[in-house]
Amino acid sequence: MGQVVIAAFKPKPGKQEELLRVVAGRLPLLRRLGLATDRVNITMRAANGTIIDVSEWTDEAAIARAHETPEVLELWERYETCCEYVKLESLDEIGLDFATFESVDLPTL
């Protein structure tokens, strides 16, 4: 059964556009490797600029395989150059009854 993940990425100063390009390339790569489902992802932005991405791994084993896949490890290095991983609890919106975020259209690669 699929595993839904909500990931939050706070862009480093001046790296917002680079981060969006990295996020845009993530699912095509994971799908090509058989690690992510075809479920449509949702990408949004918090008031502080953090990018939140909701997607689905194929299963729990796919998450483990990602940690051993050179292409995924390279992708994670690209994330590290343009953002910091943050916890959802760090976002002001999470404390609201209905957490609302700005919709983000990812660039076409």
N, C-alpha and C. Protein backbone atom coordinates (compact mmCIF):
# COMPACT_ATOMS: atom_id res chain seq x y z
N MET A 1 0.84 -1.18 0.00
CA MET A 1 0.00 0.00 0.00
C MET A 1 0.88 1.24 0.00
N GLY A 2 0.45 2.28 -0.71
CA GLY A 2 1.21 3.52 -0.81
C GLY A 2 1.42 4.21 0.53
N GLN A 3 2.46 5.01 0.60
CA GLN A 3 2.79 5.78 1.79
C GLN A 3 2.82 7.25 1.41
N VAL A 4 1.85 8.01 1.93
CA VAL A 4 1.77 9.44 1.63
C VAL A 4 2.75 10.18 2.53
N VAL A 5 3.49 11.12 1.92
CA VAL A 5 4.47 11.90 2.65
C VAL A 5 4.18 13.38 2.44
N ILE A 6 4.35 14.15 3.51
CA ILE A 6 4.26 15.60 3.44
C ILE A 6 5.65 16.13 3.80
N ALA A 7 6.30 16.75 2.83
CA ALA A 7 7.65 17.25 3.05
C ALA A 7 7.64 18.77 2.99
N ALA A 8 8.44 19.41 3.84
CA ALA A 8 8.50 20.87 3.89
C ALA A 8 9.95 21.31 3.70
N PHE A 9 10.13 22.24 2.75
CA PHE A 9 11.45 22.71 2.36
C PHE A 9 11.50 24.23 2.45
N LYS A 10 12.33 24.76 3.33
CA LYS A 10 12.48 26.21 3.44
C LYS A 10 13.64 26.65 2.56
N PRO A 11 13.36 27.46 1.52
CA PRO A 11 14.44 27.84 0.61
C PRO A 11 15.50 28.69 1.30
N LYS A 12 16.74 28.45 0.92
CA LYS A 12 17.82 29.31 1.38
C LYS A 12 17.68 30.65 0.65
N PRO A 13 18.23 31.72 1.21
CA PRO A 13 18.09 33.04 0.57
C PRO A 13 18.49 33.01 -0.91
N GLY A 14 17.59 33.53 -1.76
CA GLY A 14 17.85 33.60 -3.18
C GLY A 14 17.71 32.28 -3.93
N LYS A 15 17.24 31.23 -3.27
CA LYS A 15 17.19 29.89 -3.87
C LYS A 15 15.76 29.40 -4.14
N GLN A 16 14.77 30.27 -4.04
CA GLN A 16 13.37 29.88 -4.22
C GLN A 16 13.14 29.20 -5.59
N GLU A 17 13.60 29.82 -6.66
CA GLU A 17 13.36 29.28 -8.01
C GLU A 17 14.11 27.97 -8.22
N GLU A 18 15.32 27.89 -7.71
CA GLU A 18 16.08 26.65 -7.81
C GLU A 18 15.36 25.52 -7.07
N LEU A 19 14.85 25.83 -5.88
CA LEU A 19 14.10 24.84 -5.11
C LEU A 19 12.90 24.34 -5.90
N LEU A 20 12.16 25.24 -6.52
CA LEU A 20 10.99 24.82 -7.29
C LEU A 20 11.38 23.90 -8.45
N ARG A 21 12.52 24.16 -9.07
CA ARG A 21 12.99 23.27 -10.15
C ARG A 21 13.35 21.89 -9.60
N VAL A 22 13.97 21.85 -8.44
CA VAL A 22 14.34 20.57 -7.83
C VAL A 22 13.07 19.79 -7.46
N VAL A 23 12.10 20.48 -6.86
CA VAL A 23 10.84 19.83 -6.50
C VAL A 23 10.15 19.30 -7.76
N ALA A 24 10.17 20.08 -8.83
CA ALA A 24 9.52 19.68 -10.08
C ALA A 24 10.15 18.41 -10.66
N GLY A 25 11.42 18.20 -10.43
CA GLY A 25 12.09 17.03 -10.98
C GLY A 25 12.03 15.79 -10.10
N ARG A 26 11.60 15.97 -8.87
CA ARG A 26 11.60 14.88 -7.90
C ARG A 26 10.69 13.73 -8.30
N LEU A 27 9.41 14.00 -8.51
CA LEU A 27 8.48 12.91 -8.79
C LEU A 27 8.74 12.21 -10.11
N PRO A 28 9.07 12.92 -11.19
CA PRO A 28 9.40 12.18 -12.41
C PRO A 28 10.54 11.17 -12.19
N LEU A 29 11.55 11.56 -11.43
CA LEU A 29 12.65 10.66 -11.13
C LEU A 29 12.16 9.47 -10.30
N LEU A 30 11.46 9.75 -9.21
CA LEU A 30 11.00 8.66 -8.34
C LEU A 30 10.06 7.72 -9.07
N ARG A 31 9.22 8.26 -9.93
CA ARG A 31 8.31 7.40 -10.71
C ARG A 31 9.10 6.54 -11.70
N ARG A 32 10.08 7.12 -12.37
CA ARG A 32 10.89 6.36 -13.32
C ARG A 32 11.60 5.20 -12.62
N LEU A 33 11.98 5.42 -11.38
CA LEU A 33 12.67 4.39 -10.60
C LEU A 33 11.69 3.42 -9.93
N GLY A 34 10.39 3.63 -10.10
CA GLY A 34 9.39 2.75 -9.50
C GLY A 34 9.21 2.98 -8.01
N LEU A 35 9.58 4.16 -7.51
CA LEU A 35 9.51 4.44 -6.08
C LEU A 35 8.29 5.26 -5.68
N ALA A 36 7.67 5.95 -6.63
CA ALA A 36 6.51 6.80 -6.34
C ALA A 36 5.35 6.40 -7.23
N THR A 37 4.14 6.61 -6.72
CA THR A 37 2.94 6.29 -7.48
C THR A 37 2.62 7.40 -8.47
N ASP A 38 1.61 7.18 -9.28
CA ASP A 38 1.16 8.18 -10.24
C ASP A 38 0.15 9.15 -9.63
N ARG A 39 -0.11 9.02 -8.34
CA ARG A 39 -1.04 9.94 -7.68
C ARG A 39 -0.56 11.38 -7.88
N VAL A 40 -1.47 12.26 -8.20
CA VAL A 40 -1.13 13.67 -8.40
C VAL A 40 -0.63 14.24 -7.08
N ASN A 41 0.51 14.94 -7.15
CA ASN A 41 1.03 15.56 -5.93
C ASN A 41 0.43 16.96 -5.78
N ILE A 42 0.54 17.48 -4.60
CA ILE A 42 0.10 18.84 -4.31
C ILE A 42 1.31 19.60 -3.78
N THR A 43 1.57 20.75 -4.37
CA THR A 43 2.67 21.60 -3.92
C THR A 43 2.10 22.94 -3.50
N MET A 44 2.52 23.42 -2.35
CA MET A 44 1.99 24.67 -1.82
C MET A 44 3.08 25.44 -1.09
N ARG A 45 2.75 26.70 -0.75
CA ARG A 45 3.71 27.58 -0.09
C ARG A 45 3.10 28.13 1.19
N ALA A 46 3.86 28.07 2.28
CA ALA A 46 3.46 28.67 3.54
C ALA A 46 3.75 30.17 3.51
N ALA A 47 3.20 30.90 4.44
CA ALA A 47 3.39 32.36 4.49
C ALA A 47 4.87 32.74 4.61
N ASN A 48 5.68 31.88 5.24
CA ASN A 48 7.10 32.20 5.40
C ASN A 48 7.95 31.75 4.21
N GLY A 49 7.31 31.28 3.12
CA GLY A 49 8.02 30.88 1.92
C GLY A 49 8.36 29.40 1.84
N THR A 50 8.11 28.66 2.91
CA THR A 50 8.39 27.23 2.90
C THR A 50 7.52 26.53 1.86
N ILE A 51 8.12 25.64 1.09
CA ILE A 51 7.41 24.85 0.09
C ILE A 51 7.02 23.53 0.73
N ILE A 52 5.75 23.18 0.61
CA ILE A 52 5.23 21.93 1.14
C ILE A 52 4.81 21.07 -0.04
N ASP A 53 5.25 19.83 -0.07
CA ASP A 53 4.92 18.94 -1.17
C ASP A 53 4.34 17.65 -0.60
N VAL A 54 3.19 17.26 -1.14
CA VAL A 54 2.50 16.04 -0.72
C VAL A 54 2.54 15.06 -1.88
N SER A 55 3.10 13.89 -1.65
CA SER A 55 3.20 12.88 -2.69
C SER A 55 3.09 11.49 -2.07
N GLU A 56 3.19 10.47 -2.93
CA GLU A 56 3.00 9.11 -2.43
C GLU A 56 4.09 8.17 -2.93
N TRP A 57 4.79 7.55 -1.97
CA TRP A 57 5.72 6.46 -2.29
C TRP A 57 4.90 5.23 -2.64
N THR A 58 5.48 4.32 -3.42
CA THR A 58 4.74 3.11 -3.79
C THR A 58 4.46 2.24 -2.57
N ASP A 59 5.39 2.16 -1.66
CA ASP A 59 5.22 1.38 -0.44
C ASP A 59 6.37 1.73 0.51
N GLU A 60 6.34 1.14 1.67
CA GLU A 60 7.37 1.44 2.66
C GLU A 60 8.76 1.00 2.19
N ALA A 61 8.82 -0.09 1.45
CA ALA A 61 10.10 -0.59 0.94
C ALA A 61 10.73 0.41 -0.03
N ALA A 62 9.91 1.16 -0.76
CA ALA A 62 10.43 2.15 -1.70
C ALA A 62 11.21 3.24 -0.97
N ILE A 63 10.74 3.60 0.21
CA ILE A 63 11.44 4.61 1.00
C ILE A 63 12.84 4.10 1.36
N ALA A 64 12.93 2.85 1.77
CA ALA A 64 14.22 2.26 2.11
C ALA A 64 15.11 2.17 0.87
N ARG A 65 14.55 1.76 -0.28
CA ARG A 65 15.34 1.66 -1.51
C ARG A 65 15.89 3.02 -1.93
N ALA A 66 15.12 4.07 -1.68
CA ALA A 66 15.57 5.42 -2.05
C ALA A 66 16.89 5.76 -1.37
N HIS A 67 17.07 5.28 -0.14
CA HIS A 67 18.29 5.58 0.61
C HIS A 67 19.51 4.85 0.06
N GLU A 68 19.30 3.95 -0.90
CA GLU A 68 20.40 3.19 -1.49
C GLU A 68 20.53 3.46 -2.99
N THR A 69 19.75 4.38 -3.52
CA THR A 69 19.71 4.63 -4.96
C THR A 69 20.53 5.89 -5.29
N PRO A 70 21.61 5.73 -6.05
CA PRO A 70 22.49 6.87 -6.33
C PRO A 70 21.76 8.09 -6.91
N GLU A 71 20.80 7.89 -7.81
CA GLU A 71 20.10 9.02 -8.41
C GLU A 71 19.29 9.78 -7.37
N VAL A 72 18.73 9.07 -6.40
CA VAL A 72 17.95 9.73 -5.34
C VAL A 72 18.90 10.45 -4.39
N LEU A 73 20.02 9.83 -4.07
CA LEU A 73 20.99 10.48 -3.20
C LEU A 73 21.51 11.76 -3.84
N GLU A 74 21.70 11.75 -5.15
CA GLU A 74 22.12 12.96 -5.87
C GLU A 74 21.03 14.03 -5.81
N LEU A 75 19.78 13.60 -5.95
CA LEU A 75 18.66 14.54 -5.84
C LEU A 75 18.65 15.19 -4.47
N TRP A 76 18.84 14.41 -3.42
CA TRP A 76 18.84 14.95 -2.07
C TRP A 76 19.98 15.95 -1.88
N GLU A 77 21.11 15.73 -2.53
CA GLU A 77 22.21 16.70 -2.48
C GLU A 77 21.78 18.02 -3.12
N ARG A 78 21.02 17.95 -4.20
CA ARG A 78 20.51 19.17 -4.84
C ARG A 78 19.58 19.92 -3.89
N TYR A 79 18.74 19.20 -3.16
CA TYR A 79 17.88 19.84 -2.17
C TYR A 79 18.72 20.58 -1.14
N GLU A 80 19.77 19.94 -0.66
CA GLU A 80 20.59 20.53 0.40
C GLU A 80 21.27 21.82 -0.04
N THR A 81 21.51 22.00 -1.34
CA THR A 81 22.14 23.24 -1.82
C THR A 81 21.17 24.41 -1.83
N CYS A 82 19.87 24.13 -1.87
CA CYS A 82 18.92 25.24 -2.03
C CYS A 82 17.89 25.36 -0.90
N CYS A 83 17.89 24.43 0.05
CA CYS A 83 16.86 24.53 1.10
C CYS A 83 17.29 23.82 2.37
N GLU A 84 16.48 24.05 3.39
CA GLU A 84 16.58 23.30 4.64
C GLU A 84 15.30 22.51 4.80
N TYR A 85 15.39 21.28 5.28
CA TYR A 85 14.20 20.50 5.60
C TYR A 85 13.65 21.04 6.91
N VAL A 86 12.34 21.28 6.96
CA VAL A 86 11.75 21.78 8.20
C VAL A 86 10.58 20.91 8.61
N LYS A 87 10.28 20.92 9.88
CA LYS A 87 9.14 20.17 10.39
C LYS A 87 7.87 20.97 10.18
N LEU A 88 6.79 20.28 9.92
CA LEU A 88 5.51 20.96 9.72
C LEU A 88 5.14 21.80 10.92
N GLU A 89 5.48 21.35 12.11
CA GLU A 89 5.12 22.08 13.33
C GLU A 89 5.76 23.46 13.39
N SER A 90 6.78 23.71 12.57
CA SER A 90 7.43 25.01 12.56
C SER A 90 6.64 26.05 11.76
N LEU A 91 5.62 25.61 11.04
CA LEU A 91 4.82 26.52 10.21
C LEU A 91 3.63 27.06 11.01
N ASP A 92 3.43 28.36 10.97
CA ASP A 92 2.33 28.98 11.72
C ASP A 92 0.98 28.39 11.33
N GLU A 93 0.82 28.06 10.06
CA GLU A 93 -0.47 27.56 9.57
C GLU A 93 -0.91 26.26 10.23
N ILE A 94 0.03 25.47 10.69
CA ILE A 94 -0.30 24.16 11.25
C ILE A 94 -1.16 24.30 12.51
N GLY A 95 -1.05 25.39 13.22
CA GLY A 95 -1.83 25.60 14.43
C GLY A 95 -3.27 26.00 14.18
N LEU A 96 -3.64 26.23 12.94
CA LEU A 96 -5.01 26.64 12.61
C LEU A 96 -5.92 25.43 12.44
N ASP A 97 -7.20 25.63 12.66
CA ASP A 97 -8.16 24.53 12.45
C ASP A 97 -8.15 24.05 11.00
N PHE A 98 -8.00 24.99 10.08
CA PHE A 98 -7.96 24.66 8.67
C PHE A 98 -6.69 25.30 8.09
N ALA A 99 -5.59 24.56 8.15
CA ALA A 99 -4.32 25.08 7.65
C ALA A 99 -4.46 25.36 6.16
N THR A 100 -4.21 26.59 5.77
CA THR A 100 -4.39 27.02 4.38
C THR A 100 -3.07 27.55 3.84
N PHE A 101 -2.74 27.12 2.62
CA PHE A 101 -1.48 27.49 1.99
C PHE A 101 -1.74 27.99 0.58
N GLU A 102 -0.78 28.74 0.04
CA GLU A 102 -0.86 29.21 -1.34
C GLU A 102 -0.54 28.05 -2.28
N SER A 103 -1.33 27.89 -3.32
CA SER A 103 -1.08 26.87 -4.33
C SER A 103 0.14 27.24 -5.14
N VAL A 104 0.97 26.25 -5.51
CA VAL A 104 2.16 26.50 -6.30
C VAL A 104 2.11 25.66 -7.57
N ASP A 105 2.32 26.30 -8.71
CA ASP A 105 2.48 25.60 -9.97
C ASP A 105 3.97 25.42 -10.21
N LEU A 106 4.39 24.17 -10.30
CA LEU A 106 5.81 23.89 -10.50
C LEU A 106 6.22 24.18 -11.95
N PRO A 107 7.47 24.57 -12.14
CA PRO A 107 7.95 24.82 -13.51
C PRO A 107 7.94 23.53 -14.32
N THR A 108 7.76 23.66 -15.61
CA THR A 108 7.86 22.52 -16.51
C THR A 108 9.31 22.31 -16.86
N LEU A 109 9.77 21.09 -16.73
CA LEU A 109 11.18 20.78 -17.01
C LEU A 109 11.33 20.18 -18.39
